[in-house]
Amino acid sequence: MIRMRIFSSRKLFSSAAWQIRMALWGGAVLVGVVAILFAEMADGANHIFAAIVHDYPLAALVLSPLGLMAITWLTRHYFQGAEGSGIPQTLAALDPRTKGEMQNRILSVRVAVGKILMATLGLLSGASIGREGPTVHIGAAIMFSLGRWVKYPPHYLQRALILSGGAAGIAAAFNTPLAGVVFAIEEISRSFEENTSGVMLTGVIFAGMTALILAGNYTYFGSTDVLFTYGADWIAIPVCGVAGGLLGGIFSQILISGSRRLVPFYRAHPLWLAGLCGLAVAVIGLLSGNLTYGTGYAEAQQIISEGEQIAPAYPFLKMLATIASYLSGIPGGIFAPSLAAGAGLGADLATLMPGISATAIIILGMAAYFTGVVQTPITAFVIVMEMTDNQEMLLPLMATAFIANGVSRLVCPTPIYRALATAFLEVTAPKVKKEPPLPADFRPDLEEESGTEPEQRRTGRQD
């Protein structure tokens, strides 16, 4: 096995090794800077659209359809490959079938730039999308492109750099470095490889430090000091786990099935599909009182930190808005909307268990639904724990996430990102020409070919 030995004493003073180190460190810092800039652009777009629909709610009926249609047109003409979440594309880039020009196309700088611009325009149009999945794709593209520049060995290109960029993107996007490492292991690689671990950890550390310096030490949902007591409180764990896993699994199955079924219509009428999905986003937003537009961070923070009551239909409407946004084909992720829908689900479940801390149930609901959607239970409880700055809830979060994962797999056997990556490869991977089936009575030892006798074919001799 080839193993990374960048930091071995033998290569301490090697100019080639230092070139690799500087490219890796510089790339991780660049991922952190880009992630923070993307976050600022996304937040600004969210605020602008929210301000517009606050004063003119019906404006969404025009802005959302036209906005999604414009994004689809721009993506198809200038940024092909930037569609969707970005995590399936990153997984596809790691697939053994993805080599050479195809891998370069998936992880190009042009696609990374398009991901940022088009996802920002999506939020400016009110789409219910997140920026975390796109940030994974952007981070992987940045690190991969730097790898080509310094001519890393092939194993760095295929595994370490892509994993490092994806993990660094999550770490910088959420300000959750531990979750970045866990997600890269649990979802992107599905295994922990010694020859990629050092590069991945280095990327996460440098990207996380850069985000910390630029944005400060913060948690998205504030700090909570809620505790679970032994006894009746623990009934919330199976309730949240089953409800979140079931709802998240249904959401994922709808996205997987819908994406496959809409492929013919998308190819024939991409702008019409985007316009119809945009109209659906606007109508759902109006029904929710303007709560389902955008990432959902503000709504989740209000539910968790401020204890604000929210309409019982909010999690279901947020699900529908996210489905419509994703099926339109525009660039955008499902991380943040899933956390917001999960918080709303937790708030609904809290009304059924009045004797238990509502904040605790909301946090469990968020972890459960997020697990149900992405089927990465370790990432789910780590990311929720880091985003709420509450280590005391670790055991309840773990138990809830693993219950939700089991329930979700009953509804959606294939994890959503794996299913979408497979569908992506089926569409974009080079097709292998299939020969027509042979007749049932075909016998190669008796079949005649012009100018070649059976005995010659069996022995391979030419007389």
Protein backbone atom coordinates (compact mmCIF):
# COMPACT_ATOMS: atom_id res chain seq x y z
CA MET A 1 0.00 0.00 0.00
CA ILE A 2 1.26 3.47 -0.88
CA ARG A 3 1.13 5.67 2.19
CA MET A 4 1.48 9.38 2.65
CA ARG A 5 4.78 10.36 4.25
CA ILE A 6 4.79 14.13 3.78
CA PHE A 7 5.95 14.77 7.31
CA SER A 8 8.59 12.02 7.59
CA SER A 9 12.04 13.16 8.62
CA ARG A 10 13.48 11.91 5.33
CA LYS A 11 11.34 14.43 3.43
CA LEU A 12 11.55 17.24 5.93
CA PHE A 13 13.84 19.30 3.71
CA SER A 14 12.62 18.02 0.36
CA SER A 15 11.58 20.84 -1.97
CA ALA A 16 8.97 18.61 -3.61
CA ALA A 17 7.47 17.71 -0.23
CA TRP A 18 7.34 21.37 0.78
CA GLN A 19 5.62 22.22 -2.48
CA ILE A 20 2.96 19.65 -1.63
CA ARG A 21 2.63 20.94 1.94
CA MET A 22 2.28 24.56 0.88
CA ALA A 23 -0.30 23.68 -1.77
CA LEU A 24 -2.27 21.62 0.74
CA TRP A 25 -2.18 24.27 3.46
CA GLY A 26 -2.86 27.09 1.01
CA GLY A 27 -5.72 25.14 -0.55
CA ALA A 28 -7.32 24.51 2.84
CA VAL A 29 -7.04 28.20 3.73
CA LEU A 30 -8.56 29.09 0.35
CA VAL A 31 -11.47 26.69 1.00
CA GLY A 32 -12.08 28.42 4.33
CA VAL A 33 -12.02 31.88 2.74
CA VAL A 34 -14.33 30.86 -0.10
CA ALA A 35 -16.72 29.14 2.33
CA ILE A 36 -17.02 32.29 4.45
CA LEU A 37 -17.51 34.52 1.40
CA PHE A 38 -20.14 32.11 0.10
CA ALA A 39 -21.86 32.18 3.50
CA GLU A 40 -21.91 35.99 3.47
CA MET A 41 -23.33 36.04 -0.05
CA ALA A 42 -25.96 33.44 0.85
CA ASP A 43 -27.03 35.28 4.00
CA GLY A 44 -27.25 38.54 2.07
CA ALA A 45 -29.41 36.94 -0.61
CA ASN A 46 -31.65 35.45 2.08
CA HIS A 47 -32.15 38.83 3.73
CA ILE A 48 -32.88 40.63 0.47
CA PHE A 49 -35.58 38.16 -0.57
CA ALA A 50 -37.06 38.12 2.94
CA ALA A 51 -37.27 41.92 2.92
CA ILE A 52 -39.00 41.92 -0.48
CA VAL A 53 -41.66 39.35 0.43
CA HIS A 54 -42.19 40.98 3.81
CA ASP A 55 -43.35 44.15 2.08
CA TYR A 56 -44.80 42.51 -1.04
CA PRO A 57 -45.72 38.86 -0.32
CA LEU A 58 -47.20 38.27 -3.78
CA ALA A 59 -43.91 39.25 -5.40
CA ALA A 60 -42.73 35.67 -4.76
CA LEU A 61 -45.20 34.44 -7.39
CA VAL A 62 -43.10 36.28 -9.98
CA LEU A 63 -39.59 36.24 -8.49
CA SER A 64 -39.39 32.54 -7.67
CA PRO A 65 -40.51 31.09 -11.04
CA LEU A 66 -38.55 33.59 -13.11
CA GLY A 67 -35.53 33.29 -10.83
CA LEU A 68 -35.38 29.50 -11.05
CA MET A 69 -35.86 29.62 -14.81
CA ALA A 70 -33.00 32.12 -15.16
CA ILE A 71 -30.74 29.96 -12.98
CA THR A 72 -31.54 26.88 -15.05
CA TRP A 73 -30.75 28.70 -18.29
CA LEU A 74 -27.46 30.10 -16.97
CA THR A 75 -26.42 26.76 -15.51
CA ARG A 76 -27.11 24.84 -18.70
CA HIS A 77 -25.32 27.38 -20.90
CA TYR A 78 -22.35 28.41 -18.73
CA PHE A 79 -21.99 26.13 -15.70
CA GLN A 80 -22.92 22.60 -16.73
CA GLY A 81 -22.14 20.23 -13.88
CA ALA A 82 -23.06 22.71 -11.16
CA GLU A 83 -26.61 21.37 -10.80
CA GLY A 84 -27.87 19.81 -7.58
CA SER A 85 -26.41 19.50 -4.13
CA GLY A 86 -22.75 18.93 -4.92
CA ILE A 87 -22.25 15.97 -2.59
CA PRO A 88 -23.45 13.41 -5.19
CA GLN A 89 -21.03 14.95 -7.68
CA THR A 90 -18.20 14.68 -5.16
CA LEU A 91 -19.06 11.03 -4.58
CA ALA A 92 -19.17 10.48 -8.33
CA ALA A 93 -15.71 12.01 -8.67
CA LEU A 94 -14.41 9.38 -6.23
CA ASP A 95 -15.98 6.52 -8.16
CA PRO A 96 -13.48 4.26 -9.97
CA ARG A 97 -15.42 4.78 -13.21
CA THR A 98 -14.73 8.51 -13.06
CA LYS A 99 -11.34 9.19 -14.55
CA GLY A 100 -9.48 11.69 -16.67
CA GLU A 101 -11.52 14.32 -18.44
CA MET A 102 -14.77 13.43 -16.69
CA GLN A 103 -13.23 13.89 -13.25
CA ASN A 104 -11.66 17.16 -14.37
CA ARG A 105 -15.06 18.35 -15.59
CA ILE A 106 -16.88 17.46 -12.36
CA LEU A 107 -14.28 19.17 -10.16
CA SER A 108 -13.41 22.15 -12.33
CA VAL A 109 -12.97 25.68 -11.05
CA ARG A 110 -15.68 26.83 -13.47
CA VAL A 111 -18.17 24.48 -11.81
CA ALA A 112 -17.13 25.72 -8.36
CA VAL A 113 -17.67 29.34 -9.38
CA GLY A 114 -21.02 28.44 -10.94
CA LYS A 115 -22.05 26.64 -7.77
CA ILE A 116 -21.48 29.77 -5.70
CA LEU A 117 -23.18 32.18 -8.09
CA MET A 118 -26.17 29.99 -8.96
CA ALA A 119 -26.87 28.89 -5.36
CA THR A 120 -26.75 32.53 -4.28
CA LEU A 121 -29.21 33.44 -7.04
CA GLY A 122 -31.38 30.54 -5.87
CA LEU A 123 -31.59 32.01 -2.38
CA LEU A 124 -32.25 35.42 -3.93
CA SER A 125 -35.22 33.75 -5.65
CA GLY A 126 -36.57 32.24 -2.43
CA ALA A 127 -35.59 28.63 -3.10
CA SER A 128 -35.45 26.36 -0.06
CA ILE A 129 -31.84 25.29 -0.45
CA GLY A 130 -28.67 25.15 1.63
CA ARG A 131 -25.07 26.06 0.87
CA GLU A 132 -23.34 23.23 2.75
CA GLY A 133 -23.61 20.58 0.02
CA PRO A 134 -22.37 23.07 -2.61
CA THR A 135 -19.50 24.01 -0.26
CA VAL A 136 -18.43 20.34 -0.16
CA HIS A 137 -18.30 20.35 -3.97
CA ILE A 138 -16.49 23.69 -4.03
CA GLY A 139 -13.91 22.52 -1.49
CA ALA A 140 -13.27 19.30 -3.37
CA ALA A 141 -12.90 21.22 -6.65
CA ILE A 142 -10.43 23.70 -5.15
CA MET A 143 -8.22 21.01 -3.64
CA PHE A 144 -8.41 18.83 -6.75
CA SER A 145 -7.44 21.75 -8.99
CA LEU A 146 -4.46 22.56 -6.78
CA GLY A 147 -3.45 18.91 -6.92
CA ARG A 148 -3.32 19.09 -10.70
CA TRP A 149 -1.24 22.25 -10.50
CA VAL A 150 1.47 20.75 -8.26
CA LYS A 151 1.18 17.33 -9.93
CA TYR A 152 0.46 15.21 -6.88
CA PRO A 153 0.75 11.45 -7.25
CA PRO A 154 -2.51 9.80 -8.44
CA HIS A 155 -3.56 8.56 -5.01
CA TYR A 156 -3.55 12.11 -3.69
CA LEU A 157 -5.75 13.26 -6.57
CA GLN A 158 -8.32 10.54 -6.26
CA ARG A 159 -8.77 10.20 -2.54
CA ALA A 160 -6.91 12.50 -0.20
CA LEU A 161 -7.44 15.84 -1.90
CA ILE A 162 -11.10 15.30 -2.74
CA LEU A 163 -11.84 14.03 0.77
CA SER A 164 -9.85 16.87 2.31
CA GLY A 165 -11.64 19.51 0.26
CA GLY A 166 -15.08 18.09 1.04
CA ALA A 167 -14.36 17.79 4.77
CA ALA A 168 -12.85 21.28 4.86
CA GLY A 169 -15.95 22.63 3.14
CA ILE A 170 -18.26 21.20 5.81
CA ALA A 171 -15.98 22.36 8.62
CA ALA A 172 -15.84 25.92 7.31
CA ALA A 173 -19.50 26.13 6.28
CA PHE A 174 -20.91 25.06 9.65
CA ASN A 175 -17.95 26.13 11.85
CA THR A 176 -17.99 22.49 13.01
CA PRO A 177 -14.54 20.97 12.36
CA LEU A 178 -15.30 17.65 14.05
CA ALA A 179 -18.42 17.20 11.92
CA GLY A 180 -16.35 17.88 8.80
CA VAL A 181 -14.03 14.97 9.56
CA VAL A 182 -16.88 12.65 10.55
CA PHE A 183 -18.92 13.44 7.44
CA ALA A 184 -15.96 12.84 5.16
CA ILE A 185 -15.41 9.43 6.77
CA GLU A 186 -19.06 8.43 7.12
CA GLU A 187 -20.53 9.63 3.85
CA ILE A 188 -17.90 10.72 1.34
CA SER A 189 -15.45 7.86 1.85
CA ARG A 190 -17.54 5.33 3.82
CA SER A 191 -14.25 4.11 5.25
CA PHE A 192 -11.20 5.48 7.07
CA GLU A 193 -8.05 5.13 5.01
CA GLU A 194 -4.66 5.66 6.56
CA ASN A 195 -3.14 7.06 3.39
CA THR A 196 -5.76 9.85 3.23
CA SER A 197 -6.30 10.62 6.92
CA GLY A 198 -3.41 13.06 7.35
CA VAL A 199 -4.33 15.16 4.33
CA MET A 200 -8.00 15.24 5.35
CA LEU A 201 -7.26 16.28 8.93
CA THR A 202 -4.82 18.94 7.77
CA GLY A 203 -7.38 20.36 5.39
CA VAL A 204 -10.05 20.49 8.07
CA ILE A 205 -7.73 22.15 10.59
CA PHE A 206 -6.56 24.90 8.24
CA ALA A 207 -10.01 25.54 6.77
CA GLY A 208 -11.57 25.57 10.24
CA MET A 209 -8.96 27.97 11.57
CA THR A 210 -9.47 30.28 8.61
CA ALA A 211 -13.24 30.32 9.15
CA LEU A 212 -12.68 30.94 12.87
CA ILE A 213 -10.40 33.90 12.19
CA LEU A 214 -12.70 35.45 9.60
CA ALA A 215 -16.10 34.78 11.20
CA GLY A 216 -15.23 34.36 14.89
CA ASN A 217 -16.07 31.56 17.28
CA TYR A 218 -19.81 31.15 16.98
CA THR A 219 -22.49 28.48 16.95
CA TYR A 220 -25.32 28.69 14.42
CA PHE A 221 -28.05 27.92 16.93
CA GLY A 222 -26.50 29.52 20.00
CA SER A 223 -25.64 27.69 23.20
CA THR A 224 -28.12 25.53 25.05
CA ASP A 225 -27.65 24.09 28.51
CA VAL A 226 -30.67 21.79 28.45
CA LEU A 227 -30.24 18.44 30.20
CA PHE A 228 -32.00 15.10 30.01
CA THR A 229 -32.93 13.51 33.30
CA TYR A 230 -33.20 9.77 33.76
CA GLY A 231 -36.73 8.50 33.80
CA ALA A 232 -39.70 9.79 31.84
CA ASP A 233 -37.56 12.12 29.69
CA TRP A 234 -36.10 9.17 27.81
CA ILE A 235 -39.43 8.37 26.16
CA ALA A 236 -38.65 11.28 23.85
CA ILE A 237 -35.74 9.34 22.30
CA PRO A 238 -37.74 6.59 20.56
CA VAL A 239 -40.57 8.99 19.72
CA CYS A 240 -38.23 11.47 18.03
CA GLY A 241 -36.14 8.71 16.46
CA VAL A 242 -39.10 6.96 14.86
CA ALA A 243 -40.86 10.16 13.74
CA GLY A 244 -37.72 11.80 12.39
CA GLY A 245 -36.45 8.66 10.70
CA LEU A 246 -39.80 7.97 9.07
CA LEU A 247 -40.33 11.52 7.82
CA GLY A 248 -36.71 11.91 6.68
CA GLY A 249 -36.82 8.58 4.86
CA ILE A 250 -40.01 9.56 3.05
CA PHE A 251 -38.43 12.88 2.06
CA SER A 252 -35.34 11.13 0.65
CA GLN A 253 -37.37 8.53 -1.21
CA ILE A 254 -39.47 11.25 -2.82
CA LEU A 255 -36.34 13.09 -3.95
CA ILE A 256 -34.72 9.95 -5.35
CA SER A 257 -37.85 8.76 -7.18
CA GLY A 258 -38.79 12.24 -8.34
CA SER A 259 -35.31 12.95 -9.70
CA ARG A 260 -35.40 9.76 -11.79
CA ARG A 261 -38.93 10.20 -13.06
CA LEU A 262 -38.42 13.81 -14.06
CA VAL A 263 -35.26 13.20 -16.12
CA PRO A 264 -37.12 12.96 -19.48
CA PHE A 265 -39.19 16.08 -18.77
CA TYR A 266 -36.10 17.96 -17.54
CA ARG A 267 -34.20 17.12 -20.72
CA ALA A 268 -37.10 18.16 -22.94
CA HIS A 269 -38.39 21.20 -21.02
CA PRO A 270 -35.85 22.33 -18.37
CA LEU A 271 -37.15 25.90 -18.16
CA TRP A 272 -40.77 24.80 -17.81
CA LEU A 273 -39.84 22.44 -14.98
CA ALA A 274 -37.87 25.17 -13.22
CA GLY A 275 -40.76 27.61 -13.59
CA LEU A 276 -43.33 25.15 -12.23
CA CYS A 277 -41.09 24.29 -9.28
CA GLY A 278 -40.52 27.99 -8.63
CA LEU A 279 -44.27 28.58 -8.63
CA ALA A 280 -44.68 25.73 -6.13
CA VAL A 281 -41.99 27.27 -3.91
CA ALA A 282 -43.82 30.61 -3.98
CA VAL A 283 -47.24 29.10 -3.20
CA ILE A 284 -45.84 27.06 -0.31
CA GLY A 285 -44.08 30.16 0.98
CA LEU A 286 -47.33 32.12 0.95
CA LEU A 287 -49.14 29.31 2.79
CA SER A 288 -46.41 29.24 5.45
CA GLY A 289 -46.42 32.96 6.05
CA ASN A 290 -43.04 33.42 4.30
CA LEU A 291 -41.33 30.90 6.61
CA THR A 292 -40.22 28.27 4.08
CA TYR A 293 -38.04 30.44 1.86
CA GLY A 294 -34.26 30.20 1.99
CA THR A 295 -31.98 28.06 4.12
CA GLY A 296 -34.17 27.96 7.22
CA TYR A 297 -31.39 28.96 9.63
CA ALA A 298 -33.33 31.91 11.03
CA GLU A 299 -36.43 29.81 11.69
CA ALA A 300 -34.42 27.01 13.31
CA GLN A 301 -32.58 29.48 15.52
CA GLN A 302 -35.83 31.06 16.63
CA ILE A 303 -37.28 27.66 17.48
CA ILE A 304 -34.23 26.49 19.43
CA SER A 305 -32.75 29.59 21.05
CA GLU A 306 -35.76 31.83 21.50
CA GLY A 307 -38.41 29.18 22.07
CA GLU A 308 -40.63 30.84 19.46
CA GLN A 309 -43.80 28.99 18.66
CA ILE A 310 -44.16 28.01 15.03
CA ALA A 311 -47.09 26.70 13.00
CA PRO A 312 -47.49 22.91 13.30
CA ALA A 313 -47.47 22.62 9.50
CA TYR A 314 -44.05 24.29 9.20
CA PRO A 315 -41.87 21.13 8.99
CA PHE A 316 -44.12 19.59 6.34
CA LEU A 317 -44.28 22.77 4.27
CA LYS A 318 -40.50 23.16 4.56
CA MET A 319 -40.13 19.60 3.26
CA LEU A 320 -42.35 20.35 0.27
CA ALA A 321 -40.53 23.61 -0.51
CA THR A 322 -37.17 21.80 -0.39
CA ILE A 323 -38.45 19.01 -2.66
CA ALA A 324 -39.73 21.56 -5.20
CA SER A 325 -36.45 23.48 -5.07
CA TYR A 326 -34.29 20.40 -5.51
CA LEU A 327 -36.36 18.86 -8.32
CA SER A 328 -36.03 22.08 -10.30
CA GLY A 329 -32.41 21.10 -10.92
CA ILE A 330 -30.84 24.32 -9.66
CA PRO A 331 -27.62 24.22 -7.60
CA GLY A 332 -28.37 23.95 -3.89
CA GLY A 333 -28.15 21.56 -0.98
CA ILE A 334 -30.52 20.02 1.55
CA PHE A 335 -28.44 20.19 4.75
CA ALA A 336 -29.75 23.45 6.20
CA PRO A 337 -33.40 22.97 5.14
CA SER A 338 -33.32 19.51 6.74
CA LEU A 339 -32.06 20.93 10.03
CA ALA A 340 -34.80 23.56 9.94
CA ALA A 341 -37.52 21.02 9.15
CA GLY A 342 -36.17 18.80 11.92
CA ALA A 343 -36.36 21.64 14.42
CA GLY A 344 -39.98 22.25 13.40
CA LEU A 345 -40.73 18.55 13.79
CA GLY A 346 -39.21 18.62 17.27
CA ALA A 347 -41.38 21.60 18.18
CA ASP A 348 -44.46 19.67 17.07
CA LEU A 349 -43.45 16.61 19.08
CA ALA A 350 -42.77 18.76 22.14
CA THR A 351 -46.48 19.62 22.33
CA LEU A 352 -47.21 15.89 22.75
CA MET A 353 -44.80 15.55 25.70
CA PRO A 354 -45.44 18.59 27.89
CA GLY A 355 -43.52 17.24 30.88
CA ILE A 356 -40.20 17.16 29.02
CA SER A 357 -37.97 20.09 28.07
CA ALA A 358 -39.22 21.46 24.76
CA THR A 359 -35.71 22.56 23.75
CA ALA A 360 -34.36 19.05 24.33
CA ILE A 361 -37.07 17.53 22.14
CA ILE A 362 -36.45 20.12 19.43
CA ILE A 363 -32.73 19.23 19.37
CA LEU A 364 -33.54 15.52 19.23
CA GLY A 365 -36.06 16.09 16.45
CA MET A 366 -33.49 17.99 14.45
CA ALA A 367 -30.93 15.19 14.78
CA ALA A 368 -33.53 12.52 14.03
CA TYR A 369 -34.90 14.13 10.87
CA PHE A 370 -31.44 15.03 9.58
CA THR A 371 -30.37 11.42 10.12
CA GLY A 372 -33.49 10.19 8.36
CA VAL A 373 -32.64 12.29 5.32
CA VAL A 374 -28.90 11.66 4.90
CA GLN A 375 -28.56 8.37 6.87
CA THR A 376 -25.30 9.41 8.52
CA PRO A 377 -26.14 9.09 12.23
CA ILE A 378 -22.69 9.92 13.58
CA THR A 379 -22.48 13.10 11.50
CA ALA A 380 -26.00 14.02 12.62
CA PHE A 381 -25.46 13.91 16.36
CA VAL A 382 -21.97 15.46 16.08
CA ILE A 383 -23.14 18.35 13.91
CA VAL A 384 -26.17 19.09 16.10
CA MET A 385 -24.04 18.87 19.23
CA GLU A 386 -21.48 21.31 17.79
CA MET A 387 -24.09 23.70 16.38
CA THR A 388 -25.92 23.95 19.73
CA ASP A 389 -22.74 23.85 21.87
CA ASN A 390 -24.25 21.20 24.12
CA GLN A 391 -22.14 18.15 24.95
CA GLU A 392 -24.49 17.10 27.74
CA MET A 393 -27.00 15.86 25.16
CA LEU A 394 -24.50 13.54 23.49
CA LEU A 395 -25.96 10.20 24.63
CA PRO A 396 -29.61 11.09 23.89
CA LEU A 397 -28.55 12.45 20.49
CA MET A 398 -26.61 9.28 19.70
CA ALA A 399 -29.49 7.01 20.64
CA THR A 400 -32.02 9.09 18.70
CA ALA A 401 -29.84 9.26 15.59
CA PHE A 402 -29.27 5.50 15.43
CA ILE A 403 -32.98 4.77 15.89
CA ALA A 404 -33.80 7.26 13.14
CA ASN A 405 -31.21 5.70 10.85
CA GLY A 406 -32.74 2.23 11.24
CA VAL A 407 -36.27 3.51 10.60
CA SER A 408 -35.18 5.57 7.60
CA ARG A 409 -33.54 2.57 5.94
CA LEU A 410 -36.84 0.70 6.07
CA VAL A 411 -38.41 3.45 3.95
CA CYS A 412 -35.39 4.43 1.83
CA PRO A 413 -32.94 1.49 1.60
CA THR A 414 -30.31 3.41 -0.39
CA PRO A 415 -28.81 6.56 1.21
CA ILE A 416 -29.88 9.61 -0.73
CA TYR A 417 -26.44 10.87 -1.73
CA ARG A 418 -25.39 7.42 -2.92
CA ALA A 419 -28.57 7.04 -4.95
CA LEU A 420 -28.19 10.51 -6.51
CA ALA A 421 -24.50 9.88 -7.26
CA THR A 422 -25.39 6.62 -9.01
CA ALA A 423 -28.07 8.40 -11.06
CA PHE A 424 -25.57 11.14 -11.91
CA LEU A 425 -23.05 8.59 -13.15
CA GLU A 426 -25.68 6.77 -15.19
CA VAL A 427 -26.41 9.99 -17.04
CA THR A 428 -22.87 11.36 -17.41
CA ALA A 429 -20.54 8.34 -17.46
CA PRO A 430 -19.39 7.15 -20.88
CA LYS A 431 -21.78 4.53 -22.17
CA VAL A 432 -20.39 1.08 -22.96
CA LYS A 433 -21.68 -0.16 -26.29
CA LYS A 434 -23.71 -3.29 -25.75
CA GLU A 435 -23.68 -6.08 -28.31
CA PRO A 436 -27.03 -7.59 -29.36
CA PRO A 437 -27.91 -10.76 -27.43
CA LEU A 438 -26.81 -14.05 -28.96
CA PRO A 439 -29.43 -16.57 -30.06
CA ALA A 440 -30.28 -19.23 -27.51
CA ASP A 441 -28.96 -22.06 -29.73
CA PHE A 442 -25.67 -20.31 -30.52
CA ARG A 443 -22.69 -22.70 -30.39
CA PRO A 444 -19.29 -21.09 -30.99
CA ASP A 445 -17.72 -24.44 -31.91
CA LEU A 446 -20.14 -24.91 -34.81
CA GLU A 447 -20.79 -21.32 -35.94
CA GLU A 448 -19.48 -20.55 -39.40
CA GLU A 449 -17.54 -17.39 -40.18
CA SER A 450 -16.42 -16.35 -43.62
CA GLY A 451 -12.96 -17.64 -44.41
CA THR A 452 -12.44 -19.20 -40.96
CA GLU A 453 -12.97 -22.82 -40.10
CA PRO A 454 -14.12 -23.94 -36.65
CA GLU A 455 -10.85 -25.71 -35.91
CA GLN A 456 -8.89 -22.58 -36.77
CA ARG A 457 -10.99 -20.49 -34.40
CA ARG A 458 -10.61 -22.95 -31.54
CA THR A 459 -6.83 -23.16 -31.82
CA GLY A 460 -6.24 -19.58 -32.93
CA ARG A 461 -4.01 -20.79 -35.82
CA GLN A 462 -4.11 -19.31 -39.31
CA ASP A 463 -3.03 -21.76 -42.06
